N, C-alpha and C. Protein backbone atom coordinates (compact mmCIF):
# COMPACT_ATOMS: atom_id res chain seq x y z
N UNK A 1 20.29 8.03 36.71
CA UNK A 1 19.31 8.32 35.67
C UNK A 1 18.18 7.29 35.80
N UNK A 2 17.00 7.71 35.54
CA UNK A 2 15.82 6.85 35.62
C UNK A 2 15.93 5.64 34.68
N UNK A 3 15.50 4.49 35.18
CA UNK A 3 15.53 3.30 34.31
C UNK A 3 14.55 3.45 33.15
N UNK A 4 13.48 4.21 33.34
CA UNK A 4 12.55 4.45 32.24
C UNK A 4 13.24 5.23 31.12
N UNK A 5 14.00 6.25 31.49
CA UNK A 5 14.73 7.01 30.48
C UNK A 5 15.82 6.17 29.83
N UNK A 6 16.49 5.36 30.62
CA UNK A 6 17.52 4.48 30.07
C UNK A 6 16.91 3.49 29.09
N UNK A 7 15.77 2.93 29.44
CA UNK A 7 15.09 1.98 28.55
C UNK A 7 14.64 2.67 27.27
N UNK A 8 14.07 3.86 27.41
CA UNK A 8 13.64 4.61 26.23
C UNK A 8 14.83 4.93 25.33
N UNK A 9 15.93 5.39 25.93
CA UNK A 9 17.09 5.74 25.12
C UNK A 9 17.67 4.50 24.45
N UNK A 10 17.68 3.37 25.15
CA UNK A 10 18.17 2.12 24.55
C UNK A 10 17.30 1.72 23.37
N UNK A 11 16.00 1.92 23.47
CA UNK A 11 15.09 1.62 22.37
C UNK A 11 15.36 2.55 21.19
N UNK A 12 15.59 3.82 21.47
CA UNK A 12 15.91 4.78 20.41
C UNK A 12 17.20 4.37 19.70
N UNK A 13 18.22 4.01 20.47
CA UNK A 13 19.49 3.58 19.90
C UNK A 13 19.30 2.31 19.05
N UNK A 14 18.44 1.41 19.50
CA UNK A 14 18.17 0.19 18.74
C UNK A 14 17.49 0.51 17.42
N UNK A 15 16.55 1.45 17.45
CA UNK A 15 15.86 1.84 16.21
C UNK A 15 16.82 2.48 15.22
N UNK A 16 17.82 3.19 15.75
CA UNK A 16 18.83 3.80 14.88
C UNK A 16 19.70 2.71 14.25
N UNK A 17 20.09 1.73 15.04
CA UNK A 17 20.97 0.66 14.56
C UNK A 17 20.24 -0.37 13.71
N UNK A 18 18.95 -0.56 13.99
CA UNK A 18 18.16 -1.60 13.32
C UNK A 18 16.82 -1.02 12.85
N UNK A 19 16.86 -0.10 11.89
CA UNK A 19 15.62 0.55 11.47
C UNK A 19 14.65 -0.41 10.80
N UNK A 20 13.38 -0.17 11.05
CA UNK A 20 12.32 -0.91 10.36
C UNK A 20 11.37 0.10 9.73
N UNK A 21 10.67 -0.31 8.72
CA UNK A 21 9.78 0.59 7.97
C UNK A 21 8.66 1.16 8.84
N UNK A 22 8.23 0.41 9.83
CA UNK A 22 7.10 0.86 10.65
C UNK A 22 7.51 1.70 11.86
N UNK A 23 8.79 1.85 12.10
CA UNK A 23 9.27 2.57 13.27
C UNK A 23 9.27 4.08 13.05
N UNK A 24 8.51 4.79 13.88
CA UNK A 24 8.50 6.25 13.82
C UNK A 24 9.89 6.81 14.10
N UNK A 25 10.56 6.22 15.08
CA UNK A 25 11.90 6.67 15.43
C UNK A 25 12.85 6.52 14.26
N UNK A 26 12.80 5.38 13.59
CA UNK A 26 13.66 5.15 12.42
C UNK A 26 13.35 6.17 11.32
N UNK A 27 12.08 6.52 11.17
CA UNK A 27 11.70 7.52 10.17
C UNK A 27 12.27 8.89 10.52
N UNK A 28 12.31 9.22 11.81
CA UNK A 28 12.92 10.48 12.22
C UNK A 28 14.41 10.50 11.89
N UNK A 29 15.10 9.41 12.20
CA UNK A 29 16.53 9.34 11.87
C UNK A 29 16.74 9.49 10.36
N UNK A 30 15.91 8.84 9.58
CA UNK A 30 16.04 8.91 8.12
C UNK A 30 15.77 10.32 7.60
N UNK A 31 14.87 11.04 8.25
CA UNK A 31 14.53 12.40 7.83
C UNK A 31 15.63 13.39 8.17
N UNK A 32 16.43 13.07 9.15
CA UNK A 32 17.58 13.91 9.47
C UNK A 32 17.37 14.86 10.64
N UNK A 33 18.47 15.49 10.99
CA UNK A 33 18.51 16.37 12.15
C UNK A 33 17.51 17.53 12.04
N UNK A 34 17.33 18.07 10.87
CA UNK A 34 16.39 19.18 10.70
C UNK A 34 14.99 18.81 11.12
N UNK A 35 14.54 17.65 10.69
CA UNK A 35 13.19 17.19 11.04
C UNK A 35 13.09 16.92 12.53
N UNK A 36 14.12 16.33 13.11
CA UNK A 36 14.11 16.05 14.55
C UNK A 36 14.01 17.36 15.32
N UNK A 37 14.79 18.34 14.92
CA UNK A 37 14.75 19.65 15.59
C UNK A 37 13.39 20.31 15.42
N UNK A 38 12.80 20.18 14.25
CA UNK A 38 11.47 20.72 14.01
C UNK A 38 10.47 20.11 14.99
N UNK A 39 10.56 18.81 15.20
CA UNK A 39 9.64 18.13 16.11
C UNK A 39 9.84 18.61 17.55
N UNK A 40 11.10 18.82 17.95
CA UNK A 40 11.35 19.35 19.29
C UNK A 40 10.69 20.71 19.44
N UNK A 41 10.86 21.55 18.44
CA UNK A 41 10.24 22.89 18.47
C UNK A 41 8.73 22.82 18.56
N UNK A 42 8.13 21.96 17.76
CA UNK A 42 6.67 21.81 17.78
C UNK A 42 6.20 21.37 19.16
N UNK A 43 6.90 20.40 19.73
CA UNK A 43 6.48 19.90 21.05
C UNK A 43 6.70 20.95 22.13
N UNK A 44 7.77 21.73 22.03
CA UNK A 44 8.02 22.80 23.01
C UNK A 44 6.89 23.82 22.97
N UNK A 45 6.46 24.18 21.77
CA UNK A 45 5.34 25.12 21.63
C UNK A 45 4.09 24.52 22.25
N UNK A 46 3.85 23.24 22.04
CA UNK A 46 2.67 22.60 22.61
C UNK A 46 2.71 22.57 24.13
N UNK A 47 3.90 22.43 24.71
CA UNK A 47 4.04 22.50 26.17
C UNK A 47 3.65 23.89 26.66
N UNK A 48 4.18 24.90 26.01
CA UNK A 48 3.90 26.29 26.41
C UNK A 48 2.42 26.60 26.26
N UNK A 49 1.83 26.21 25.15
CA UNK A 49 0.40 26.47 24.93
C UNK A 49 -0.43 25.76 25.99
N UNK A 50 -0.11 24.51 26.27
CA UNK A 50 -0.87 23.76 27.28
C UNK A 50 -0.78 24.43 28.65
N UNK A 51 0.40 24.92 28.98
CA UNK A 51 0.57 25.58 30.28
C UNK A 51 -0.16 26.92 30.33
N UNK A 52 0.02 27.73 29.30
CA UNK A 52 -0.60 29.05 29.30
C UNK A 52 -2.11 29.00 29.17
N UNK A 53 -2.62 27.99 28.48
CA UNK A 53 -4.07 27.83 28.33
C UNK A 53 -4.67 27.06 29.50
N UNK A 54 -3.81 26.72 30.47
CA UNK A 54 -4.23 25.98 31.66
C UNK A 54 -5.03 24.73 31.28
N UNK A 55 -4.43 23.94 30.36
CA UNK A 55 -5.08 22.72 29.89
C UNK A 55 -4.96 21.56 30.87
N UNK A 56 -4.31 21.78 31.97
CA UNK A 56 -4.21 20.77 33.02
C UNK A 56 -2.87 20.07 33.01
N UNK A 57 -2.54 19.50 34.16
CA UNK A 57 -1.26 18.85 34.33
C UNK A 57 -1.09 17.63 33.43
N UNK A 58 -2.15 16.87 33.21
CA UNK A 58 -2.05 15.70 32.34
C UNK A 58 -1.62 16.08 30.94
N UNK A 59 -2.17 17.16 30.42
CA UNK A 59 -1.82 17.62 29.07
C UNK A 59 -0.38 18.10 29.03
N UNK A 60 0.03 18.83 30.06
CA UNK A 60 1.41 19.32 30.11
C UNK A 60 2.38 18.14 30.17
N UNK A 61 2.10 17.16 31.00
CA UNK A 61 2.97 15.98 31.08
C UNK A 61 3.03 15.24 29.75
N UNK A 62 1.90 15.12 29.08
CA UNK A 62 1.84 14.45 27.78
C UNK A 62 2.75 15.14 26.77
N UNK A 63 2.62 16.47 26.69
CA UNK A 63 3.42 17.23 25.73
C UNK A 63 4.90 17.25 26.12
N UNK A 64 5.19 17.32 27.41
CA UNK A 64 6.58 17.29 27.85
C UNK A 64 7.22 15.94 27.56
N UNK A 65 6.46 14.87 27.69
CA UNK A 65 6.99 13.55 27.35
C UNK A 65 7.34 13.49 25.87
N UNK A 66 6.48 14.05 25.01
CA UNK A 66 6.78 14.10 23.58
C UNK A 66 8.05 14.91 23.31
N UNK A 67 8.19 16.05 23.99
CA UNK A 67 9.36 16.90 23.80
C UNK A 67 10.63 16.17 24.27
N UNK A 68 10.54 15.50 25.38
CA UNK A 68 11.70 14.77 25.90
C UNK A 68 12.09 13.63 24.96
N UNK A 69 11.10 12.89 24.48
CA UNK A 69 11.37 11.80 23.53
C UNK A 69 12.12 12.34 22.31
N UNK A 70 11.62 13.40 21.71
CA UNK A 70 12.27 13.95 20.52
C UNK A 70 13.66 14.49 20.84
N UNK A 71 13.83 15.03 22.04
CA UNK A 71 15.15 15.49 22.47
C UNK A 71 16.13 14.33 22.59
N UNK A 72 15.65 13.20 23.09
CA UNK A 72 16.51 12.02 23.18
C UNK A 72 16.87 11.49 21.79
N UNK A 73 15.95 11.59 20.85
CA UNK A 73 16.26 11.19 19.47
C UNK A 73 17.37 12.08 18.93
N UNK A 74 17.32 13.37 19.22
CA UNK A 74 18.38 14.27 18.77
C UNK A 74 19.72 13.91 19.41
N UNK A 75 19.72 13.62 20.71
CA UNK A 75 20.96 13.18 21.36
C UNK A 75 21.56 12.00 20.61
N UNK A 76 20.74 11.01 20.34
CA UNK A 76 21.20 9.81 19.66
C UNK A 76 21.69 10.13 18.25
N UNK A 77 20.96 10.96 17.54
CA UNK A 77 21.34 11.31 16.17
C UNK A 77 22.71 11.98 16.14
N UNK A 78 23.04 12.71 17.20
CA UNK A 78 24.32 13.42 17.27
C UNK A 78 25.42 12.57 17.89
N UNK A 79 25.09 11.32 18.24
CA UNK A 79 26.09 10.44 18.83
C UNK A 79 26.35 10.73 20.30
N UNK A 80 25.42 11.42 20.93
CA UNK A 80 25.53 11.72 22.35
C UNK A 80 24.74 10.71 23.15
N UNK A 81 24.98 10.66 24.45
CA UNK A 81 24.32 9.67 25.30
C UNK A 81 23.67 10.33 26.51
N UNK A 82 22.89 9.53 27.24
CA UNK A 82 22.33 10.02 28.49
C UNK A 82 23.44 10.36 29.48
N UNK A 83 24.54 9.60 29.46
CA UNK A 83 25.67 9.89 30.34
C UNK A 83 26.26 11.26 30.02
N UNK A 84 26.31 11.62 28.74
CA UNK A 84 26.79 12.95 28.35
C UNK A 84 25.88 14.04 28.92
N UNK A 85 24.59 13.82 28.82
CA UNK A 85 23.62 14.78 29.34
C UNK A 85 23.72 14.88 30.86
N UNK A 86 23.84 13.74 31.51
CA UNK A 86 23.96 13.71 32.96
C UNK A 86 25.24 14.43 33.40
N UNK A 87 26.33 14.25 32.68
CA UNK A 87 27.58 14.92 33.02
C UNK A 87 27.43 16.43 32.87
N UNK A 88 26.75 16.87 31.83
CA UNK A 88 26.50 18.31 31.65
C UNK A 88 25.70 18.88 32.82
N UNK A 89 24.67 18.15 33.22
CA UNK A 89 23.85 18.61 34.35
C UNK A 89 24.67 18.63 35.63
N UNK A 90 25.50 17.61 35.84
CA UNK A 90 26.34 17.56 37.04
C UNK A 90 27.31 18.72 37.08
N UNK A 91 27.85 19.10 35.91
CA UNK A 91 28.78 20.23 35.84
C UNK A 91 28.12 21.53 36.29
N UNK A 92 26.84 21.62 36.13
CA UNK A 92 26.13 22.84 36.50
C UNK A 92 25.91 22.95 38.01
N UNK A 93 26.11 21.85 38.74
CA UNK A 93 25.87 21.85 40.18
C UNK A 93 27.15 21.64 40.99
N UNK A 94 28.29 22.04 40.40
CA UNK A 94 29.57 21.93 41.13
C UNK A 94 29.70 23.04 42.12
């Protein structure tokens, strides 16, 4: 797994364990799974719109990064890890 993703996930886990008032991630955890899922949906729509409107690769990457970040927050909120995700992906390539 990418060290960038590992670092991001470690930061997300830290925000969950040590929330601060200014942390967007901590605010997502406090708002609950419904809000986190809503954000994933919003970002997924933005990815699709950017692609279909041919807004360029930079825009697509930007929106996909947002979607991935929110997806990682959901993993953490559910007590799942990057290793769990990696194992699921590995199972698909047996």
